[in-house]
């Protein structure tokens, strides 16, 4: 496994009711523009906190595209996202965690937003994402379903 430690960079919440979640986080005091996400189809919102951590809200439709665990069993509602230094680190860390007996939720793959990405479950069943830096040349749209393990 690579020597560099993963860095917590993302807290991702899969919402039951996207509009209700937007209203809650606005009431909490986060600055979220009214045009944050269209009302139909895939919905996503990012709120950067300026300290290297981003809160992201996704609806079920989007979660099912990047996490095959959501298509199989619904996954967990919160995903802790860790940035790793390279694309190879995603594959190596995923393989090491699976070999140690942890459950794989999403095999490593090249995600539509341009990063190498994988998801494992922690001992309590929470999804933990491993993400490489984004490579703009690898972005694609529309998203297609991630590969199943």
Protein backbone atom coordinates (compact mmCIF):
# COMPACT_ATOMS: atom_id res chain seq x y z
CA UNK A 1 0.00 0.00 0.00
CA UNK A 2 1.24 3.50 -0.80
CA UNK A 3 3.01 5.46 1.95
CA UNK A 4 0.86 8.60 1.68
CA UNK A 5 -2.16 8.62 3.99
CA UNK A 6 -5.64 9.14 2.57
CA UNK A 7 -7.12 12.55 3.40
CA UNK A 8 -10.75 13.06 4.42
CA UNK A 9 -12.08 15.30 1.68
CA UNK A 10 -15.77 14.59 1.34
CA UNK A 11 -18.89 13.86 3.34
CA UNK A 12 -21.54 12.65 0.93
CA UNK A 13 -25.18 12.24 1.98
CA UNK A 14 -27.67 10.34 -0.18
CA UNK A 15 -30.94 12.11 0.54
CA UNK A 16 -34.42 10.63 0.79
CA UNK A 17 -35.93 14.01 -0.13
CA UNK A 18 -33.46 16.28 -1.90
CA UNK A 19 -35.56 19.45 -1.54
CA UNK A 20 -36.11 18.85 2.18
CA UNK A 21 -32.36 18.37 2.63
CA UNK A 22 -31.63 21.61 0.76
CA UNK A 23 -34.10 23.43 3.03
CA UNK A 24 -32.49 21.93 6.14
CA UNK A 25 -28.92 22.89 5.22
CA UNK A 26 -30.05 26.39 4.22
CA UNK A 27 -31.82 26.72 7.59
CA UNK A 28 -28.61 25.54 9.24
CA UNK A 29 -26.88 28.52 7.62
CA UNK A 30 -25.08 27.09 4.62
CA UNK A 31 -25.06 29.28 1.54
CA UNK A 32 -26.80 27.25 -1.15
CA UNK A 33 -28.05 29.05 -4.25
CA UNK A 34 -31.67 28.50 -5.33
CA UNK A 35 -30.47 27.12 -8.66
CA UNK A 36 -28.36 24.48 -6.91
CA UNK A 37 -29.91 21.56 -8.77
CA UNK A 38 -32.73 21.01 -11.23
CA UNK A 39 -35.87 19.44 -9.72
CA UNK A 40 -35.99 16.37 -11.96
CA UNK A 41 -33.54 13.58 -12.71
CA UNK A 42 -30.05 13.43 -11.26
CA UNK A 43 -29.55 15.85 -8.38
CA UNK A 44 -26.23 16.81 -6.80
CA UNK A 45 -24.96 19.66 -4.65
CA UNK A 46 -21.50 20.51 -3.33
CA UNK A 47 -20.76 22.92 -0.49
CA UNK A 48 -17.01 23.51 -0.01
CA UNK A 49 -15.90 24.53 3.47
CA UNK A 50 -12.53 25.98 2.45
CA UNK A 51 -10.52 23.58 4.62
CA UNK A 52 -10.29 20.78 2.07
CA UNK A 53 -13.63 19.18 2.98
CA UNK A 54 -16.80 19.25 0.88
CA UNK A 55 -20.34 18.34 1.89
CA UNK A 56 -22.13 16.73 -1.03
CA UNK A 57 -25.81 15.84 -1.36
CA UNK A 58 -26.98 13.31 -3.96
CA UNK A 59 -30.35 11.84 -4.77
CA UNK A 60 -30.93 8.09 -5.13
CA UNK A 61 -30.82 8.30 -8.93
CA UNK A 62 -27.27 9.65 -8.89
CA UNK A 63 -26.07 7.33 -6.11
CA UNK A 64 -27.13 4.36 -8.20
CA UNK A 65 -24.88 5.45 -11.08
CA UNK A 66 -21.61 5.63 -9.10
CA UNK A 67 -22.19 2.95 -6.45
CA UNK A 68 -23.22 -0.53 -7.53
CA UNK A 69 -23.96 -1.25 -3.85
CA UNK A 70 -26.90 1.17 -4.12
CA UNK A 71 -28.27 -0.78 -7.07
CA UNK A 72 -27.97 -4.07 -5.15
CA UNK A 73 -28.99 -3.18 -1.59
CA UNK A 74 -29.44 0.55 -1.14
CA UNK A 75 -26.00 1.22 0.39
CA UNK A 76 -25.51 3.50 3.36
CA UNK A 77 -26.90 7.04 3.44
CA UNK A 78 -23.56 8.62 4.31
CA UNK A 79 -20.35 8.14 2.39
CA UNK A 80 -17.02 9.22 3.85
CA UNK A 81 -14.79 10.19 0.94
CA UNK A 82 -11.01 9.92 1.14
CA UNK A 83 -8.64 11.43 -1.40
CA UNK A 84 -5.61 9.34 -2.30
CA UNK A 85 -2.63 10.62 -4.30
CA UNK A 86 -2.90 8.51 -7.48
CA UNK A 87 -5.21 6.36 -9.57
CA UNK A 88 -3.10 3.31 -8.68
CA UNK A 89 -3.58 4.04 -4.96
CA UNK A 90 -7.34 3.56 -5.38
CA UNK A 91 -6.82 0.05 -6.77
CA UNK A 92 -4.10 -0.88 -4.28
CA UNK A 93 -5.98 0.31 -1.20
CA UNK A 94 -9.21 -1.32 -2.36
CA UNK A 95 -7.42 -4.64 -2.96
CA UNK A 96 -5.70 -4.48 0.44
CA UNK A 97 -8.97 -3.74 2.26
CA UNK A 98 -10.80 -6.57 0.47
CA UNK A 99 -7.92 -8.95 1.23
CA UNK A 100 -8.22 -7.93 4.91
CA UNK A 101 -11.86 -9.08 4.87
CA UNK A 102 -13.77 -5.82 4.39
CA UNK A 103 -16.78 -5.74 2.05
CA UNK A 104 -16.35 -4.16 -1.36
CA UNK A 105 -19.33 -2.06 -2.39
CA UNK A 106 -17.94 -0.64 -5.65
CA UNK A 107 -14.96 -2.07 -7.50
CA UNK A 108 -12.40 0.50 -8.68
CA UNK A 109 -13.37 2.13 -11.97
CA UNK A 110 -12.92 5.32 -13.99
CA UNK A 111 -15.87 7.46 -12.85
CA UNK A 112 -17.70 9.90 -15.11
CA UNK A 113 -16.36 12.92 -13.17
CA UNK A 114 -12.77 12.01 -14.12
CA UNK A 115 -11.44 10.26 -11.02
CA UNK A 116 -10.55 6.65 -10.28
CA UNK A 117 -13.06 5.62 -7.63
CA UNK A 118 -13.97 2.68 -5.36
CA UNK A 119 -16.12 2.07 -2.27
CA UNK A 120 -15.67 -0.30 0.67
CA UNK A 121 -17.82 -0.77 3.78
CA UNK A 122 -16.40 -0.07 7.21
CA UNK A 123 -17.19 -2.54 10.04
CA UNK A 124 -20.45 -0.68 10.79
CA UNK A 125 -21.65 -0.81 7.18
CA UNK A 126 -20.86 2.81 6.29
CA UNK A 127 -19.67 3.43 2.74
CA UNK A 128 -16.09 4.70 2.46
CA UNK A 129 -15.03 6.10 -0.90
CA UNK A 130 -11.49 6.12 -2.25
CA UNK A 131 -10.89 8.75 -4.93
CA UNK A 132 -7.90 9.76 -7.01
CA UNK A 133 -7.34 13.31 -8.20
CA UNK A 134 -9.71 14.30 -11.00
CA UNK A 135 -8.30 14.10 -14.52
CA UNK A 136 -10.33 16.47 -16.72
CA UNK A 137 -9.48 14.43 -19.83
CA UNK A 138 -11.30 11.41 -18.35
CA UNK A 139 -14.65 13.17 -17.70
CA UNK A 140 -17.71 11.85 -19.54
CA UNK A 141 -21.42 12.68 -19.66
CA UNK A 142 -24.05 11.41 -19.25
CA UNK A 143 -23.02 9.07 -16.45
CA UNK A 144 -23.49 5.39 -16.99
CA UNK A 145 -23.79 2.77 -14.27
CA UNK A 146 -20.57 1.78 -12.55
CA UNK A 147 -19.33 -1.80 -12.97
CA UNK A 148 -20.59 -4.45 -10.54
CA UNK A 149 -18.03 -6.45 -8.58
